[in-house]
């Protein structure tokens, strides 16, 4: 699997996650639709933080690739 495909998948996952978080906030203050937290929250916040960092790095990677 190429680095570009992995970055693309992470960016899409991150975009969907943030869209659901925003939608949850609009629906109600106690509505938490953070998919990353739902899937990885029980494993510890450090793994969740690593996923968020990887999504951010993937976004920067895609931005750099687009500017070339």
C-alpha atoms as a PDB file:
ATOM      1  CA  UNK A   1       0.000   0.000   0.000  1.00  0.00           C
ATOM      2  CA  UNK A   2       1.454   3.357  -0.956  1.00  0.00           C
ATOM      3  CA  UNK A   3       2.070   6.214   1.440  1.00  0.00           C
ATOM      4  CA  UNK A   4      -0.305   8.413  -0.551  1.00  0.00           C
ATOM      5  CA  UNK A   5      -3.149   5.906  -0.166  1.00  0.00           C
ATOM      6  CA  UNK A   6      -2.563   5.599   3.585  1.00  0.00           C
ATOM      7  CA  UNK A   7      -2.512   9.402   3.903  1.00  0.00           C
ATOM      8  CA  UNK A   8      -5.702   9.690   1.856  1.00  0.00           C
ATOM      9  CA  UNK A   9      -7.491   7.120   4.039  1.00  0.00           C
ATOM     10  CA  UNK A  10      -6.383   8.883   7.237  1.00  0.00           C
ATOM     11  CA  UNK A  11      -7.533  12.264   5.921  1.00  0.00           C
ATOM     12  CA  UNK A  12     -10.941  10.844   4.970  1.00  0.00           C
ATOM     13  CA  UNK A  13     -11.309   9.139   8.367  1.00  0.00           C
ATOM     14  CA  UNK A  14     -10.338  12.391  10.093  1.00  0.00           C
ATOM     15  CA  UNK A  15     -12.785  14.433   8.021  1.00  0.00           C
ATOM     16  CA  UNK A  16     -15.658  12.040   8.711  1.00  0.00           C
ATOM     17  CA  UNK A  17     -14.772  11.973  12.415  1.00  0.00           C
ATOM     18  CA  UNK A  18     -14.725  15.772  12.727  1.00  0.00           C
ATOM     19  CA  UNK A  19     -17.950  16.038  10.746  1.00  0.00           C
ATOM     20  CA  UNK A  20     -19.643  13.637  13.156  1.00  0.00           C
ATOM     21  CA  UNK A  21     -18.208  15.465  16.183  1.00  0.00           C
ATOM     22  CA  UNK A  22     -19.615  18.756  14.864  1.00  0.00           C
ATOM     23  CA  UNK A  23     -22.979  17.192  14.101  1.00  0.00           C
ATOM     24  CA  UNK A  24     -23.086  15.706  17.594  1.00  0.00           C
ATOM     25  CA  UNK A  25     -22.412  19.114  19.120  1.00  0.00           C
ATOM     26  CA  UNK A  26     -25.287  20.616  17.132  1.00  0.00           C
ATOM     27  CA  UNK A  27     -27.708  17.884  18.191  1.00  0.00           C
ATOM     28  CA  UNK A  28     -26.990  18.160  21.886  1.00  0.00           C
ATOM     29  CA  UNK A  29     -24.262  18.797  24.430  1.00  0.00           C
ATOM     30  CA  UNK A  30     -24.131  15.163  25.560  1.00  0.00           C
ATOM     31  CA  UNK A  31     -24.027  13.672  22.050  1.00  0.00           C
ATOM     32  CA  UNK A  32     -20.530  12.299  21.433  1.00  0.00           C
ATOM     33  CA  UNK A  33     -20.014  10.871  17.954  1.00  0.00           C
ATOM     34  CA  UNK A  34     -16.217  10.827  18.039  1.00  0.00           C
ATOM     35  CA  UNK A  35     -15.598   7.575  16.170  1.00  0.00           C
ATOM     36  CA  UNK A  36     -11.887   7.453  17.031  1.00  0.00           C
ATOM     37  CA  UNK A  37     -12.671   7.745  20.722  1.00  0.00           C
ATOM     38  CA  UNK A  38     -15.458   5.165  20.435  1.00  0.00           C
ATOM     39  CA  UNK A  39     -13.120   2.658  18.781  1.00  0.00           C
ATOM     40  CA  UNK A  40      -9.895   3.351  20.667  1.00  0.00           C
ATOM     41  CA  UNK A  41     -10.920   5.106  23.862  1.00  0.00           C
ATOM     42  CA  UNK A  42     -10.868   1.922  25.897  1.00  0.00           C
ATOM     43  CA  UNK A  43      -7.270   1.264  24.789  1.00  0.00           C
ATOM     44  CA  UNK A  44      -6.010   4.473  26.345  1.00  0.00           C
ATOM     45  CA  UNK A  45      -5.742   8.104  25.439  1.00  0.00           C
ATOM     46  CA  UNK A  46      -2.157   7.709  24.189  1.00  0.00           C
ATOM     47  CA  UNK A  47      -3.218   5.484  21.289  1.00  0.00           C
ATOM     48  CA  UNK A  48      -6.043   7.880  20.501  1.00  0.00           C
ATOM     49  CA  UNK A  49      -3.559  10.776  20.511  1.00  0.00           C
ATOM     50  CA  UNK A  50      -1.265   8.867  18.135  1.00  0.00           C
ATOM     51  CA  UNK A  51      -4.174   8.395  15.718  1.00  0.00           C
ATOM     52  CA  UNK A  52      -4.937  12.132  15.836  1.00  0.00           C
ATOM     53  CA  UNK A  53      -1.260  12.940  15.209  1.00  0.00           C
ATOM     54  CA  UNK A  54      -1.177  10.539  12.251  1.00  0.00           C
ATOM     55  CA  UNK A  55      -4.310  12.154  10.802  1.00  0.00           C
ATOM     56  CA  UNK A  56      -2.674  15.577  11.163  1.00  0.00           C
ATOM     57  CA  UNK A  57       0.559  14.408   9.548  1.00  0.00           C
ATOM     58  CA  UNK A  58      -1.458  12.843   6.723  1.00  0.00           C
ATOM     59  CA  UNK A  59      -3.249  16.148   6.165  1.00  0.00           C
ATOM     60  CA  UNK A  60       0.048  18.022   5.950  1.00  0.00           C
ATOM     61  CA  UNK A  61       1.419  15.317   3.614  1.00  0.00           C
ATOM     62  CA  UNK A  62      -1.600  15.680   1.304  1.00  0.00           C
ATOM     63  CA  UNK A  63      -1.249  19.466   1.341  1.00  0.00           C
ATOM     64  CA  UNK A  64       2.435  19.261   0.394  1.00  0.00           C
ATOM     65  CA  UNK A  65       1.668  16.754  -2.369  1.00  0.00           C
ATOM     66  CA  UNK A  66      -1.076  19.018  -3.731  1.00  0.00           C
ATOM     67  CA  UNK A  67       1.245  22.056  -3.818  1.00  0.00           C
ATOM     68  CA  UNK A  68       3.828  20.261  -5.978  1.00  0.00           C
END
